[in-house]
Amino acid sequence: MNHKILAFIFDLDGIIVNTTNYHYLSWKKLSQSFNFNFREKDNELLKGANRTTSLNILLKLAGLELTPSEKNFLLEKKNEIYLDLIKHMTVNDTLPGVINFIEKAKSNTLKTGLASSSKNAIATVRRLHIDVLFDKMLDANTVIKGKPDPKVYREIAKSLQVETNHCVVFEDAANGIEAARKAGMWVVGMGAPEQIKDAHMTISSFLDVEPKDIIDFFRNSGL
């Protein structure tokens, strides 16, 4: 079946930049304030989830029930910790090959979008001075429903003026892949095998692939 690809859409964490560890360290430091030992394996449960959902998962792990105001306080505190950790990030913190890959995609007349469940996604991209790579950007400040809800992907397609079945999403998290598939998009997974097993195609890095390879895969696939 021939699938025409008109747009590439990218998640931020784990695809453009590796901020996963910064989020993990932020949640770990926050959890220490209520004497809970947040571990790396616990952090896997938070992948692709927005901040509120992540906090709810963390509190469930810790066996805590808090009031909405107490939760809001912790959410603000977590964000403060995270912003302090990433304030020294530069373009050198982007994942290998991703900038060149997006530039090539744009030169091939593909539209490009950023769609993230993080409230800091657009701010991070602007901090790194790579916002020019994207025709449209959406994060949790605009689309409140986080992944695996498909809304952020449907909205970015609408912003790009491209039908969802002509979009390819690049994701590293199971929640993100589920969201993109629910939106009717094609998905390229990059990351831990257990997180990306439901992607239509997988890659190990952007150094090993060209935009044309992605286009050809979906054009010639039997999906």
N, C-alpha and C. Protein backbone atom coordinates (compact mmCIF):
# COMPACT_ATOMS: atom_id res chain seq x y z
N MET A 1 0.85 -1.20 0.00
CA MET A 1 0.00 0.00 0.00
C MET A 1 0.89 1.25 0.00
N ASN A 2 0.53 2.23 -0.77
CA ASN A 2 1.33 3.46 -0.90
C ASN A 2 0.84 4.51 0.09
N HIS A 3 1.70 4.89 1.02
CA HIS A 3 1.35 5.90 2.00
C HIS A 3 2.16 7.18 1.72
N LYS A 4 1.48 8.26 1.41
CA LYS A 4 2.15 9.52 1.14
C LYS A 4 2.49 10.19 2.46
N ILE A 5 3.76 10.51 2.66
CA ILE A 5 4.21 11.14 3.90
C ILE A 5 4.49 12.62 3.63
N LEU A 6 3.81 13.49 4.40
CA LEU A 6 3.94 14.93 4.21
C LEU A 6 4.55 15.65 5.42
N ALA A 7 4.56 14.98 6.57
CA ALA A 7 5.06 15.65 7.78
C ALA A 7 5.74 14.67 8.72
N PHE A 8 6.81 15.15 9.35
CA PHE A 8 7.48 14.44 10.43
C PHE A 8 7.19 15.20 11.72
N ILE A 9 6.78 14.47 12.74
CA ILE A 9 6.45 15.08 14.03
C ILE A 9 7.30 14.41 15.11
N PHE A 10 7.89 15.22 15.98
CA PHE A 10 8.85 14.72 16.94
C PHE A 10 8.40 14.97 18.38
N ASP A 11 8.57 13.94 19.21
CA ASP A 11 8.51 14.13 20.65
C ASP A 11 9.81 14.83 21.05
N LEU A 12 9.87 15.36 22.26
CA LEU A 12 11.10 16.04 22.69
C LEU A 12 12.02 15.11 23.47
N ASP A 13 11.56 14.69 24.66
CA ASP A 13 12.41 13.91 25.56
C ASP A 13 12.75 12.56 24.97
N GLY A 14 14.04 12.29 24.83
CA GLY A 14 14.48 11.01 24.30
C GLY A 14 14.55 10.94 22.79
N ILE A 15 14.07 11.99 22.12
CA ILE A 15 14.11 12.05 20.65
C ILE A 15 14.96 13.23 20.19
N ILE A 16 14.66 14.42 20.67
CA ILE A 16 15.44 15.61 20.32
C ILE A 16 16.58 15.80 21.32
N VAL A 17 16.24 15.74 22.59
CA VAL A 17 17.24 15.87 23.66
C VAL A 17 17.00 14.76 24.69
N ASN A 18 18.05 14.41 25.39
CA ASN A 18 17.91 13.38 26.41
C ASN A 18 17.73 14.04 27.78
N THR A 19 16.52 14.50 28.02
CA THR A 19 16.22 15.13 29.31
C THR A 19 15.63 14.12 30.30
N THR A 20 15.52 12.87 29.87
CA THR A 20 14.92 11.85 30.73
C THR A 20 15.61 11.79 32.08
N ASN A 21 16.94 11.85 32.07
CA ASN A 21 17.68 11.76 33.33
C ASN A 21 17.43 12.98 34.21
N TYR A 22 17.25 14.15 33.58
CA TYR A 22 16.95 15.36 34.37
C TYR A 22 15.58 15.22 35.06
N HIS A 23 14.62 14.65 34.33
CA HIS A 23 13.31 14.43 34.93
C HIS A 23 13.41 13.42 36.08
N TYR A 24 14.18 12.35 35.84
CA TYR A 24 14.35 11.34 36.88
C TYR A 24 14.97 11.94 38.13
N LEU A 25 16.03 12.72 37.96
CA LEU A 25 16.69 13.34 39.11
C LEU A 25 15.76 14.33 39.83
N SER A 26 14.91 15.01 39.05
CA SER A 26 13.96 15.95 39.64
C SER A 26 12.94 15.22 40.51
N TRP A 27 12.37 14.14 39.95
CA TRP A 27 11.39 13.36 40.73
C TRP A 27 12.05 12.71 41.94
N LYS A 28 13.27 12.26 41.77
CA LYS A 28 13.98 11.61 42.89
C LYS A 28 14.20 12.60 44.04
N LYS A 29 14.66 13.81 43.68
CA LYS A 29 14.89 14.82 44.71
C LYS A 29 13.58 15.21 45.38
N LEU A 30 12.52 15.34 44.59
CA LEU A 30 11.21 15.68 45.15
C LEU A 30 10.74 14.59 46.11
N SER A 31 10.91 13.32 45.70
CA SER A 31 10.43 12.21 46.53
C SER A 31 11.16 12.12 47.86
N GLN A 32 12.38 12.63 47.89
CA GLN A 32 13.14 12.62 49.14
C GLN A 32 12.49 13.52 50.19
N SER A 33 11.71 14.51 49.72
CA SER A 33 11.05 15.43 50.66
C SER A 33 9.94 14.73 51.43
N PHE A 34 9.43 13.60 50.90
CA PHE A 34 8.46 12.83 51.68
C PHE A 34 8.97 11.40 51.93
N ASN A 35 10.31 11.30 52.01
CA ASN A 35 10.98 10.06 52.45
C ASN A 35 10.64 8.82 51.62
N PHE A 36 10.55 9.04 50.30
CA PHE A 36 10.33 7.90 49.41
C PHE A 36 11.55 7.73 48.51
N ASN A 37 11.99 6.50 48.34
CA ASN A 37 13.15 6.21 47.50
C ASN A 37 12.69 5.92 46.07
N PHE A 38 12.72 6.95 45.24
CA PHE A 38 12.30 6.82 43.84
C PHE A 38 13.46 6.27 43.03
N ARG A 39 13.24 5.11 42.38
CA ARG A 39 14.32 4.42 41.68
C ARG A 39 14.20 4.56 40.16
N GLU A 40 15.27 4.23 39.46
CA GLU A 40 15.27 4.35 38.00
C GLU A 40 14.20 3.47 37.38
N LYS A 41 13.98 2.29 37.92
CA LYS A 41 12.95 1.42 37.34
C LYS A 41 11.55 2.00 37.56
N ASP A 42 11.38 2.77 38.63
CA ASP A 42 10.10 3.47 38.84
C ASP A 42 9.90 4.54 37.77
N ASN A 43 11.00 5.15 37.36
CA ASN A 43 10.94 6.23 36.38
C ASN A 43 10.41 5.76 35.03
N GLU A 44 10.59 4.47 34.72
CA GLU A 44 10.08 3.93 33.46
C GLU A 44 8.56 4.06 33.37
N LEU A 45 7.89 4.04 34.52
CA LEU A 45 6.43 4.16 34.54
C LEU A 45 5.96 5.56 34.15
N LEU A 46 6.88 6.54 34.23
CA LEU A 46 6.54 7.93 33.97
C LEU A 46 6.78 8.33 32.52
N LYS A 47 7.45 7.47 31.74
CA LYS A 47 7.83 7.83 30.38
C LYS A 47 6.61 8.17 29.54
N GLY A 48 6.64 9.34 28.92
CA GLY A 48 5.56 9.77 28.03
C GLY A 48 4.38 10.37 28.75
N ALA A 49 4.37 10.35 30.08
CA ALA A 49 3.25 10.90 30.85
C ALA A 49 3.50 12.38 31.15
N ASN A 50 2.41 13.15 31.28
CA ASN A 50 2.60 14.56 31.64
C ASN A 50 2.91 14.68 33.12
N ARG A 51 3.16 15.90 33.57
CA ARG A 51 3.64 16.13 34.93
C ARG A 51 2.63 15.70 35.99
N THR A 52 1.35 16.01 35.77
CA THR A 52 0.33 15.67 36.75
C THR A 52 0.16 14.16 36.87
N THR A 53 0.11 13.48 35.73
CA THR A 53 0.00 12.03 35.74
C THR A 53 1.22 11.40 36.40
N SER A 54 2.39 11.94 36.11
CA SER A 54 3.63 11.42 36.71
C SER A 54 3.60 11.55 38.22
N LEU A 55 3.14 12.69 38.72
CA LEU A 55 3.06 12.88 40.16
C LEU A 55 2.09 11.88 40.78
N ASN A 56 0.96 11.66 40.13
CA ASN A 56 -0.03 10.71 40.66
C ASN A 56 0.55 9.30 40.73
N ILE A 57 1.34 8.92 39.72
CA ILE A 57 2.00 7.61 39.73
C ILE A 57 3.00 7.54 40.88
N LEU A 58 3.78 8.60 41.04
CA LEU A 58 4.77 8.64 42.12
C LEU A 58 4.12 8.54 43.49
N LEU A 59 3.04 9.27 43.70
CA LEU A 59 2.35 9.25 44.99
C LEU A 59 1.74 7.87 45.26
N LYS A 60 1.25 7.23 44.21
CA LYS A 60 0.69 5.88 44.37
C LYS A 60 1.79 4.90 44.79
N LEU A 61 2.97 5.04 44.18
CA LEU A 61 4.10 4.20 44.55
C LEU A 61 4.50 4.41 46.00
N ALA A 62 4.39 5.67 46.43
CA ALA A 62 4.78 6.03 47.80
C ALA A 62 3.66 5.75 48.81
N GLY A 63 2.48 5.41 48.31
CA GLY A 63 1.35 5.15 49.20
C GLY A 63 0.81 6.39 49.87
N LEU A 64 0.85 7.51 49.15
CA LEU A 64 0.40 8.78 49.72
C LEU A 64 -0.86 9.30 49.03
N GLU A 65 -1.74 9.90 49.80
CA GLU A 65 -2.91 10.59 49.26
C GLU A 65 -2.83 12.04 49.71
N LEU A 66 -2.82 12.96 48.75
CA LEU A 66 -2.65 14.37 49.05
C LEU A 66 -3.84 15.17 48.53
N THR A 67 -4.01 16.36 49.07
CA THR A 67 -5.05 17.27 48.61
C THR A 67 -4.60 17.92 47.30
N PRO A 68 -5.53 18.46 46.52
CA PRO A 68 -5.15 19.15 45.27
C PRO A 68 -4.12 20.26 45.50
N SER A 69 -4.26 21.02 46.58
CA SER A 69 -3.31 22.11 46.84
C SER A 69 -1.93 21.56 47.16
N GLU A 70 -1.88 20.44 47.89
CA GLU A 70 -0.58 19.82 48.19
C GLU A 70 0.07 19.29 46.92
N LYS A 71 -0.75 18.73 46.03
CA LYS A 71 -0.22 18.25 44.75
C LYS A 71 0.32 19.41 43.91
N ASN A 72 -0.41 20.50 43.87
CA ASN A 72 0.04 21.67 43.10
C ASN A 72 1.37 22.19 43.62
N PHE A 73 1.52 22.18 44.95
CA PHE A 73 2.79 22.61 45.54
C PHE A 73 3.94 21.72 45.07
N LEU A 74 3.71 20.40 45.07
CA LEU A 74 4.75 19.47 44.64
C LEU A 74 5.05 19.61 43.15
N LEU A 75 4.03 19.86 42.34
CA LEU A 75 4.24 20.04 40.91
C LEU A 75 5.10 21.27 40.64
N GLU A 76 4.84 22.35 41.35
CA GLU A 76 5.64 23.56 41.19
C GLU A 76 7.07 23.34 41.67
N LYS A 77 7.21 22.60 42.77
CA LYS A 77 8.54 22.32 43.30
C LYS A 77 9.33 21.46 42.33
N LYS A 78 8.68 20.44 41.76
CA LYS A 78 9.37 19.59 40.80
C LYS A 78 9.85 20.39 39.61
N ASN A 79 9.01 21.30 39.13
CA ASN A 79 9.38 22.12 37.98
C ASN A 79 10.57 23.02 38.29
N GLU A 80 10.59 23.57 39.50
CA GLU A 80 11.72 24.41 39.93
C GLU A 80 13.02 23.61 39.92
N ILE A 81 12.95 22.39 40.45
CA ILE A 81 14.14 21.52 40.47
C ILE A 81 14.61 21.22 39.06
N TYR A 82 13.66 20.88 38.19
CA TYR A 82 13.99 20.52 36.81
C TYR A 82 14.61 21.70 36.06
N LEU A 83 14.01 22.87 36.18
CA LEU A 83 14.53 24.05 35.48
C LEU A 83 15.92 24.41 35.95
N ASP A 84 16.18 24.20 37.23
CA ASP A 84 17.52 24.47 37.75
C ASP A 84 18.54 23.50 37.16
N LEU A 85 18.12 22.25 36.96
CA LEU A 85 19.03 21.23 36.41
C LEU A 85 19.36 21.50 34.94
N ILE A 86 18.38 21.99 34.17
CA ILE A 86 18.59 22.11 32.72
C ILE A 86 19.08 23.49 32.29
N LYS A 87 19.28 24.39 33.22
CA LYS A 87 19.60 25.77 32.82
C LYS A 87 20.94 25.90 32.09
N HIS A 88 21.77 24.88 32.19
CA HIS A 88 23.07 24.94 31.51
C HIS A 88 23.09 24.10 30.23
N MET A 89 21.92 23.62 29.80
CA MET A 89 21.87 22.84 28.56
C MET A 89 22.21 23.70 27.36
N THR A 90 22.88 23.09 26.37
CA THR A 90 23.19 23.77 25.12
C THR A 90 22.78 22.86 23.96
N VAL A 91 22.97 23.35 22.75
CA VAL A 91 22.64 22.55 21.57
C VAL A 91 23.45 21.26 21.53
N ASN A 92 24.58 21.22 22.24
CA ASN A 92 25.39 20.01 22.31
C ASN A 92 24.69 18.88 23.06
N ASP A 93 23.59 19.21 23.74
CA ASP A 93 22.84 18.20 24.48
C ASP A 93 21.77 17.53 23.61
N THR A 94 21.67 17.93 22.35
CA THR A 94 20.73 17.25 21.45
C THR A 94 21.29 15.88 21.09
N LEU A 95 20.39 14.97 20.76
CA LEU A 95 20.83 13.60 20.45
C LEU A 95 21.57 13.57 19.11
N PRO A 96 22.55 12.68 18.99
CA PRO A 96 23.39 12.62 17.79
C PRO A 96 22.58 12.49 16.50
N GLY A 97 22.85 13.39 15.57
CA GLY A 97 22.28 13.31 14.23
C GLY A 97 20.89 13.90 14.05
N VAL A 98 20.21 14.25 15.16
CA VAL A 98 18.81 14.65 15.04
C VAL A 98 18.64 15.99 14.32
N ILE A 99 19.51 16.95 14.59
CA ILE A 99 19.39 18.26 13.95
C ILE A 99 19.59 18.14 12.44
N ASN A 100 20.62 17.40 12.05
CA ASN A 100 20.88 17.20 10.63
C ASN A 100 19.72 16.46 9.95
N PHE A 101 19.14 15.50 10.67
CA PHE A 101 18.02 14.73 10.13
C PHE A 101 16.82 15.63 9.87
N ILE A 102 16.50 16.50 10.83
CA ILE A 102 15.35 17.40 10.66
C ILE A 102 15.61 18.42 9.55
N GLU A 103 16.83 18.92 9.48
CA GLU A 103 17.18 19.87 8.42
C GLU A 103 17.01 19.22 7.04
N LYS A 104 17.42 17.97 6.91
CA LYS A 104 17.25 17.25 5.64
C LYS A 104 15.78 17.03 5.32
N ALA A 105 15.00 16.74 6.35
CA ALA A 105 13.56 16.55 6.15
C ALA A 105 12.93 17.82 5.60
N LYS A 106 13.31 18.96 6.18
CA LYS A 106 12.77 20.24 5.72
C LYS A 106 13.22 20.56 4.29
N SER A 107 14.44 20.19 3.98
CA SER A 107 14.94 20.46 2.63
C SER A 107 14.23 19.58 1.60
N ASN A 108 13.62 18.49 2.08
CA ASN A 108 12.83 17.61 1.20
C ASN A 108 11.36 17.99 1.21
N THR A 109 11.08 19.23 1.64
CA THR A 109 9.74 19.85 1.66
C THR A 109 8.76 19.19 2.63
N LEU A 110 9.28 18.40 3.57
CA LEU A 110 8.41 17.84 4.60
C LEU A 110 8.12 18.91 5.65
N LYS A 111 6.90 18.94 6.16
CA LYS A 111 6.59 19.82 7.28
C LYS A 111 7.08 19.15 8.56
N THR A 112 7.45 19.96 9.54
CA THR A 112 7.99 19.41 10.79
C THR A 112 7.25 20.00 11.98
N GLY A 113 6.98 19.15 12.97
CA GLY A 113 6.29 19.60 14.17
C GLY A 113 6.90 19.00 15.42
N LEU A 114 6.70 19.68 16.54
CA LEU A 114 7.09 19.18 17.86
C LEU A 114 5.82 18.99 18.67
N ALA A 115 5.65 17.82 19.29
CA ALA A 115 4.46 17.54 20.09
C ALA A 115 4.89 16.82 21.36
N SER A 116 4.75 17.50 22.49
CA SER A 116 5.25 16.95 23.76
C SER A 116 4.22 17.09 24.86
N SER A 117 4.27 16.16 25.83
CA SER A 117 3.41 16.23 27.01
C SER A 117 4.05 17.07 28.11
N SER A 118 5.26 17.55 27.87
CA SER A 118 5.97 18.36 28.86
C SER A 118 5.57 19.83 28.76
N LYS A 119 5.38 20.49 29.89
CA LYS A 119 5.08 21.92 29.88
C LYS A 119 6.31 22.74 29.53
N ASN A 120 7.49 22.14 29.64
CA ASN A 120 8.73 22.87 29.38
C ASN A 120 9.29 22.62 27.98
N ALA A 121 8.55 21.88 27.15
CA ALA A 121 9.11 21.46 25.86
C ALA A 121 9.48 22.64 24.97
N ILE A 122 8.54 23.53 24.73
CA ILE A 122 8.82 24.65 23.82
C ILE A 122 9.89 25.56 24.41
N ALA A 123 9.84 25.79 25.72
CA ALA A 123 10.85 26.61 26.38
C ALA A 123 12.24 25.99 26.24
N THR A 124 12.31 24.67 26.33
CA THR A 124 13.59 23.97 26.19
C THR A 124 14.13 24.11 24.77
N VAL A 125 13.27 23.93 23.79
CA VAL A 125 13.67 24.05 22.38
C VAL A 125 14.18 25.46 22.09
N ARG A 126 13.49 26.45 22.63
CA ARG A 126 13.93 27.83 22.42
C ARG A 126 15.25 28.12 23.15
N ARG A 127 15.42 27.52 24.31
CA ARG A 127 16.67 27.67 25.06
C ARG A 127 17.86 27.16 24.24
N LEU A 128 17.60 26.08 23.50
CA LEU A 128 18.64 25.46 22.69
C LEU A 128 18.78 26.11 21.31
N HIS A 129 17.90 27.10 21.02
CA HIS A 129 17.92 27.83 19.75
C HIS A 129 17.71 26.91 18.55
N ILE A 130 16.83 25.91 18.72
CA ILE A 130 16.54 25.01 17.61
C ILE A 130 15.05 25.08 17.23
N ASP A 131 14.36 26.09 17.72
CA ASP A 131 12.93 26.23 17.40
C ASP A 131 12.70 26.48 15.91
N VAL A 132 13.72 27.00 15.21
CA VAL A 132 13.60 27.25 13.77
C VAL A 132 13.45 25.95 12.97
N LEU A 133 13.75 24.83 13.60
CA LEU A 133 13.64 23.55 12.91
C LEU A 133 12.19 23.11 12.73
N PHE A 134 11.28 23.72 13.50
CA PHE A 134 9.90 23.24 13.53
C PHE A 134 8.92 24.26 12.97
N ASP A 135 8.03 23.79 12.11
CA ASP A 135 7.00 24.66 11.56
C ASP A 135 5.94 24.98 12.61
N LYS A 136 5.64 24.01 13.47
CA LYS A 136 4.67 24.20 14.55
C LYS A 136 5.14 23.44 15.78
N MET A 137 4.80 23.96 16.97
CA MET A 137 5.17 23.29 18.22
C MET A 137 3.99 23.34 19.19
N LEU A 138 3.75 22.22 19.87
CA LEU A 138 2.72 22.14 20.90
C LEU A 138 3.28 21.42 22.11
N ASP A 139 2.90 21.90 23.30
CA ASP A 139 3.26 21.19 24.52
C ASP A 139 2.08 21.24 25.49
N ALA A 140 2.31 20.85 26.72
CA ALA A 140 1.22 20.72 27.69
C ALA A 140 0.65 22.06 28.14
N ASN A 141 1.28 23.15 27.78
CA ASN A 141 0.70 24.46 28.09
C ASN A 141 -0.51 24.74 27.20
N THR A 142 -0.53 24.13 26.02
CA THR A 142 -1.63 24.34 25.07
C THR A 142 -2.60 23.17 25.07
N VAL A 143 -2.06 21.96 25.06
CA VAL A 143 -2.87 20.75 25.06
C VAL A 143 -2.74 20.08 26.42
N ILE A 144 -3.76 20.22 27.23
CA ILE A 144 -3.69 19.76 28.62
C ILE A 144 -3.70 18.24 28.73
N LYS A 145 -4.50 17.58 27.89
CA LYS A 145 -4.55 16.12 27.94
C LYS A 145 -3.22 15.53 27.48
N GLY A 146 -2.60 14.76 28.36
CA GLY A 146 -1.30 14.18 28.02
C GLY A 146 -1.43 12.84 27.31
N LYS A 147 -0.34 12.39 26.75
CA LYS A 147 -0.29 11.08 26.13
C LYS A 147 -0.52 10.02 27.23
N PRO A 148 -1.24 8.94 26.94
CA PRO A 148 -1.58 8.38 25.63
C PRO A 148 -2.82 8.95 24.96
N ASP A 149 -3.42 10.00 25.50
CA ASP A 149 -4.50 10.66 24.78
C ASP A 149 -3.94 11.21 23.46
N PRO A 150 -4.64 11.02 22.36
CA PRO A 150 -4.10 11.42 21.05
C PRO A 150 -4.24 12.90 20.70
N LYS A 151 -4.82 13.69 21.60
CA LYS A 151 -5.16 15.06 21.24
C LYS A 151 -3.97 15.88 20.75
N VAL A 152 -2.82 15.77 21.44
CA VAL A 152 -1.68 16.61 21.05
C VAL A 152 -1.24 16.30 19.62
N TYR A 153 -1.36 15.04 19.21
CA TYR A 153 -0.97 14.69 17.85
C TYR A 153 -2.02 15.11 16.83
N ARG A 154 -3.28 15.02 17.19
CA ARG A 154 -4.32 15.51 16.28
C ARG A 154 -4.23 17.01 16.09
N GLU A 155 -3.91 17.72 17.19
CA GLU A 155 -3.82 19.18 17.12
C GLU A 155 -2.61 19.64 16.31
N ILE A 156 -1.48 18.95 16.45
CA ILE A 156 -0.30 19.37 15.69
C ILE A 156 -0.51 19.11 14.20
N ALA A 157 -1.20 18.02 13.86
CA ALA A 157 -1.52 17.76 12.44
C ALA A 157 -2.41 18.85 11.89
N LYS A 158 -3.39 19.27 12.69
CA LYS A 158 -4.29 20.35 12.28
C LYS A 158 -3.51 21.64 12.07
N SER A 159 -2.57 21.92 12.99
CA SER A 159 -1.75 23.13 12.87
C SER A 159 -0.87 23.11 11.63
N LEU A 160 -0.39 21.92 11.29
CA LEU A 160 0.45 21.76 10.10
C LEU A 160 -0.37 21.67 8.81
N GLN A 161 -1.70 21.56 8.97
CA GLN A 161 -2.62 21.41 7.84
C GLN A 161 -2.31 20.16 7.02
N VAL A 162 -2.10 19.06 7.76
CA VAL A 162 -1.81 17.76 7.14
C VAL A 162 -2.72 16.72 7.79
N GLU A 163 -3.30 15.85 6.98
CA GLU A 163 -4.12 14.77 7.52
C GLU A 163 -3.24 13.82 8.35
N THR A 164 -3.81 13.27 9.41
CA THR A 164 -3.01 12.46 10.33
C THR A 164 -2.37 11.24 9.65
N ASN A 165 -3.04 10.66 8.65
CA ASN A 165 -2.48 9.47 8.01
C ASN A 165 -1.33 9.80 7.06
N HIS A 166 -0.99 11.08 6.94
CA HIS A 166 0.18 11.49 6.16
C HIS A 166 1.33 11.94 7.06
N CYS A 167 1.21 11.64 8.36
CA CYS A 167 2.23 12.06 9.34
C CYS A 167 2.99 10.87 9.90
N VAL A 168 4.29 11.07 10.10
CA VAL A 168 5.12 10.10 10.80
C VAL A 168 5.60 10.72 12.10
N VAL A 169 5.39 10.00 13.20
CA VAL A 169 5.79 10.48 14.52
C VAL A 169 7.04 9.73 14.98
N PHE A 170 7.94 10.45 15.64
CA PHE A 170 9.14 9.85 16.22
C PHE A 170 8.99 9.87 17.73
N GLU A 171 8.96 8.68 18.34
CA GLU A 171 8.67 8.54 19.77
C GLU A 171 9.61 7.54 20.43
N ASP A 172 9.80 7.71 21.75
CA ASP A 172 10.61 6.76 22.50
C ASP A 172 9.84 6.12 23.65
N ALA A 173 8.56 6.48 23.81
CA ALA A 173 7.78 6.00 24.95
C ALA A 173 6.50 5.31 24.51
N ALA A 174 6.10 4.29 25.27
CA ALA A 174 4.90 3.53 24.94
C ALA A 174 3.66 4.42 24.93
N ASN A 175 3.56 5.35 25.88
CA ASN A 175 2.40 6.26 25.92
C ASN A 175 2.33 7.12 24.66
N GLY A 176 3.48 7.59 24.20
CA GLY A 176 3.53 8.42 23.02
C GLY A 176 3.17 7.65 21.76
N ILE A 177 3.67 6.41 21.68
CA ILE A 177 3.35 5.57 20.52
C ILE A 177 1.86 5.26 20.48
N GLU A 178 1.29 4.98 21.64
CA GLU A 178 -0.16 4.72 21.70
C GLU A 178 -0.94 5.95 21.27
N ALA A 179 -0.51 7.13 21.72
CA ALA A 179 -1.19 8.38 21.36
C ALA A 179 -1.15 8.62 19.86
N ALA A 180 0.03 8.43 19.27
CA ALA A 180 0.18 8.66 17.83
C ALA A 180 -0.65 7.68 17.01
N ARG A 181 -0.67 6.43 17.43
CA ARG A 181 -1.45 5.43 16.70
C ARG A 181 -2.94 5.70 16.82
N LYS A 182 -3.38 6.13 18.00
CA LYS A 182 -4.80 6.49 18.18
C LYS A 182 -5.18 7.66 17.29
N ALA A 183 -4.19 8.54 17.03
CA ALA A 183 -4.43 9.71 16.18
C ALA A 183 -4.45 9.33 14.70
N GLY A 184 -4.10 8.09 14.40
CA GLY A 184 -4.09 7.63 13.02
C GLY A 184 -2.79 7.93 12.29
N MET A 185 -1.69 8.04 13.04
CA MET A 185 -0.39 8.36 12.46
C MET A 185 0.52 7.14 12.42
N TRP A 186 1.56 7.24 11.63
CA TRP A 186 2.59 6.22 11.55
C TRP A 186 3.66 6.55 12.58
N VAL A 187 4.28 5.53 13.15
CA VAL A 187 5.21 5.77 14.25
C VAL A 187 6.55 5.09 14.04
N VAL A 188 7.61 5.87 14.22
CA VAL A 188 8.97 5.35 14.26
C VAL A 188 9.42 5.40 15.72
N GLY A 189 9.81 4.26 16.26
CA GLY A 189 10.26 4.18 17.64
C GLY A 189 11.77 4.18 17.74
N MET A 190 12.28 4.86 18.75
CA MET A 190 13.72 4.87 19.00
C MET A 190 13.93 4.85 20.51
N GLY A 191 14.53 3.79 21.02
CA GLY A 191 14.74 3.71 22.46
C GLY A 191 14.69 2.28 22.96
N ALA A 192 14.29 2.12 24.23
CA ALA A 192 14.25 0.81 24.86
C ALA A 192 13.24 -0.09 24.15
N PRO A 193 13.63 -1.33 23.81
CA PRO A 193 12.75 -2.23 23.05
C PRO A 193 11.37 -2.42 23.66
N GLU A 194 11.30 -2.50 25.00
CA GLU A 194 10.00 -2.73 25.64
C GLU A 194 9.09 -1.52 25.53
N GLN A 195 9.67 -0.33 25.31
CA GLN A 195 8.87 0.89 25.18
C GLN A 195 8.37 1.11 23.76
N ILE A 196 9.10 0.61 22.76
CA ILE A 196 8.79 0.95 21.37
C ILE A 196 8.28 -0.24 20.56
N LYS A 197 7.90 -1.32 21.24
CA LYS A 197 7.50 -2.55 20.54
C LYS A 197 6.27 -2.37 19.65
N ASP A 198 5.44 -1.35 19.92
CA ASP A 198 4.23 -1.15 19.13
C ASP A 198 4.41 -0.12 18.00
N ALA A 199 5.64 0.34 17.80
CA ALA A 199 5.91 1.26 16.69
C ALA A 199 5.85 0.49 15.36
N HIS A 200 5.52 1.19 14.28
CA HIS A 200 5.48 0.55 12.96
C HIS A 200 6.89 0.24 12.45
N MET A 201 7.85 1.07 12.87
CA MET A 201 9.23 0.94 12.42
C MET A 201 10.12 1.36 13.59
N THR A 202 11.30 0.79 13.71
CA THR A 202 12.23 1.21 14.77
C THR A 202 13.59 1.56 14.17
N ILE A 203 14.26 2.51 14.83
CA ILE A 203 15.62 2.88 14.45
C ILE A 203 16.46 2.94 15.72
N SER A 204 17.77 2.78 15.55
CA SER A 204 18.65 2.82 16.73
C SER A 204 19.14 4.23 17.01
N SER A 205 19.25 5.06 15.96
CA SER A 205 19.65 6.46 16.13
C SER A 205 19.40 7.20 14.83
N PHE A 206 19.48 8.53 14.88
CA PHE A 206 19.30 9.34 13.67
C PHE A 206 20.56 9.35 12.82
N LEU A 207 21.64 8.80 13.34
CA LEU A 207 22.87 8.72 12.56
C LEU A 207 22.79 7.62 11.51
N ASP A 208 21.88 6.67 11.74
CA ASP A 208 21.81 5.49 10.88
C ASP A 208 20.72 5.55 9.82
N VAL A 209 20.05 6.70 9.71
CA VAL A 209 18.88 6.75 8.82
C VAL A 209 18.76 8.12 8.17
N GLU A 210 18.19 8.14 6.98
CA GLU A 210 17.91 9.38 6.25
C GLU A 210 16.39 9.56 6.17
N PRO A 211 15.91 10.80 6.05
CA PRO A 211 14.46 11.00 5.89
C PRO A 211 13.88 10.17 4.74
N LYS A 212 14.65 10.03 3.66
CA LYS A 212 14.18 9.25 2.50
C LYS A 212 13.94 7.79 2.89
N ASP A 213 14.77 7.27 3.81
CA ASP A 213 14.59 5.87 4.24
C ASP A 213 13.24 5.69 4.92
N ILE A 214 12.86 6.68 5.72
CA ILE A 214 11.57 6.61 6.43
C ILE A 214 10.42 6.69 5.43
N ILE A 215 10.52 7.65 4.52
CA ILE A 215 9.48 7.83 3.50
C ILE A 215 9.32 6.57 2.66
N ASP A 216 10.46 6.00 2.22
CA ASP A 216 10.42 4.80 1.39
C ASP A 216 9.82 3.61 2.15
N PHE A 217 10.13 3.51 3.45
CA PHE A 217 9.61 2.39 4.24
C PHE A 217 8.08 2.41 4.23
N PHE A 218 7.50 3.55 4.50
CA PHE A 218 6.03 3.62 4.57
C PHE A 218 5.38 3.61 3.18
N ARG A 219 6.09 4.14 2.21
CA ARG A 219 5.57 4.11 0.84
C ARG A 219 5.46 2.68 0.33
N ASN A 220 6.45 1.86 0.71
CA ASN A 220 6.51 0.52 0.17
C ASN A 220 6.03 -0.57 1.13
N SER A 221 5.62 -0.17 2.32
CA SER A 221 5.23 -1.17 3.30
C SER A 221 3.85 -1.73 2.99
N GLY A 222 3.56 -2.88 3.56
CA GLY A 222 2.25 -3.49 3.38
C GLY A 222 1.31 -3.15 4.52
N LEU A 223 1.64 -2.11 5.30
CA LEU A 223 0.82 -1.74 6.47
C LEU A 223 -0.51 -1.16 6.03
